[in-house]
Structures are given as structure tokens and as C-alpha cells.
Protein backbone atom coordinates (compact mmCIF):
# COMPACT_ATOMS: atom_id res chain seq x y z
CA MET A 1 -3.77 12.65 3.36
CA TYR A 2 -0.15 12.29 2.38
CA TYR A 3 2.60 9.52 3.43
CA VAL A 4 6.37 9.70 3.50
CA TYR A 5 7.60 6.33 2.68
CA ALA A 6 10.96 4.19 2.10
CA ILE A 7 11.52 1.54 -0.10
CA SER A 8 14.12 -1.07 -0.23
CA SER A 9 15.67 -2.41 -3.52
CA LEU A 10 15.69 -6.40 -2.89
CA GLU A 11 18.61 -6.80 -5.42
CA ARG A 12 21.04 -3.97 -4.61
CA ASN A 13 21.95 -1.88 -1.36
CA TYR A 14 19.54 1.10 -2.33
CA ILE A 15 16.79 2.83 -0.24
CA TYR A 16 14.53 5.23 -1.79
CA VAL A 17 12.49 7.86 0.34
CA GLY A 18 9.65 9.76 -1.28
CA LEU A 19 6.12 11.26 -0.53
CA THR A 20 2.82 10.24 -2.01
CA ASP A 21 -0.93 10.39 -1.50
CA ASN A 22 -1.37 6.74 -2.40
CA ILE A 23 1.25 4.15 -1.35
CA GLU A 24 -0.09 1.10 -2.90
CA ARG A 25 0.10 3.11 -6.43
CA ARG A 26 3.44 4.55 -6.04
CA LEU A 27 4.99 0.90 -4.94
CA SER A 28 3.65 -0.49 -7.96
CA GLU A 29 5.12 2.66 -10.31
CA HIS A 30 8.49 1.74 -8.75
CA ASN A 31 8.16 -1.90 -9.26
CA THR A 32 6.99 -1.60 -12.84
CA GLY A 33 9.77 0.69 -13.84
CA LYS A 34 7.66 3.86 -14.36
CA ASN A 35 9.86 5.89 -12.18
CA LYS A 36 13.06 6.80 -14.10
CA THR A 37 15.08 7.08 -10.75
CA THR A 38 14.31 3.69 -9.41
CA LYS A 39 13.80 1.70 -12.57
CA ALA A 40 17.62 0.21 -12.17
CA TYR A 41 16.99 -0.97 -8.73
CA SER A 42 13.65 -2.79 -8.85
CA PRO A 43 12.07 -4.90 -7.39
CA PHE A 44 11.37 -2.99 -4.07
CA VAL A 45 9.87 -3.79 -0.67
CA LEU A 46 8.21 -1.16 1.48
CA ILE A 47 10.20 -0.91 4.60
CA TYR A 48 8.79 2.36 6.43
CA PHE A 49 5.78 4.60 5.77
CA GLU A 50 4.35 7.35 8.15
CA LYS A 51 1.00 9.04 7.67
CA CYS A 52 1.19 13.02 7.61
CA GLY A 53 -1.44 15.53 7.90
CA ASN A 54 -0.54 17.61 4.74
CA ARG A 55 2.05 17.70 1.84
CA ILE A 56 4.10 20.10 3.77
CA GLU A 57 4.53 17.85 6.81
CA ALA A 58 5.32 14.97 4.56
CA ARG A 59 8.14 17.13 2.66
CA ILE A 60 9.80 18.03 5.84
CA LYS A 61 9.77 14.26 7.19
CA GLU A 62 11.19 13.31 3.58
CA LYS A 63 14.00 15.72 3.85
CA TYR A 64 14.86 14.32 7.24
CA PHE A 65 14.88 10.69 5.93
CA LYS A 66 17.03 11.77 2.98
CA SER A 67 19.64 13.28 5.41
CA GLY A 68 22.44 10.95 6.67
CA SER A 69 20.80 10.46 10.30
CA GLY A 70 17.64 9.63 8.53
CA LYS A 71 19.10 7.21 5.99
CA GLU A 72 20.86 5.42 9.13
CA LYS A 73 17.69 5.25 11.00
CA LEU A 74 16.13 3.59 7.74
CA ARG A 75 19.07 1.13 7.47
CA ILE A 76 18.39 0.05 10.91
CA ILE A 77 14.68 -0.63 10.15
CA ARG A 78 15.81 -2.58 7.02
CA GLU A 79 18.36 -4.60 8.95
CA ASN A 80 15.81 -5.47 11.74
CA GLN A 81 13.21 -6.77 8.93
CA GLY A 82 15.60 -9.00 7.57
CA GLN A 83 16.31 -7.35 4.30
């Protein structure tokens, strides 16, 4: 089972989108600075995740959320959560 997820920096205006087979572990890795790309933006909060049947499906959804319209959808989700 794979998930596509989006996390939002609590300190800066930054949303990261990725895929994983373990959301809790992956969020912990982002928040403890183990990911080079997101280290400067921590701490993070999970704003969105979606269960996918396999890695290919998760990758397709990840690409969408990294696009302009996908990022805009995530910004709206973040705003509605009070971030």
C-alpha cells in the first residue's frame, strides 16, 4: 500500500508533496531533518494524504499535486485547516 501525501511548513510558506509506504515514518524523517530537500523548512504538519493501490498510482497522483493546479488545491486545503 502506498500513499501520496502533502506536508506544510509551520514556519514558512512551503508545501512538500511525496509518496511513501509509511506516512508516520516519513513525516518523522521530514521533521527531524533527515530529508535534505525539506530540512530548512521544518517543522511540518500533514495537510493531506491519499491511499493508492500501488506505487505507480501514487506516482501519478504525486505528479498531479506537484503541478500548478494540484498545488493550488493543496493551498486551499491548507487555508481551510487554518495553516
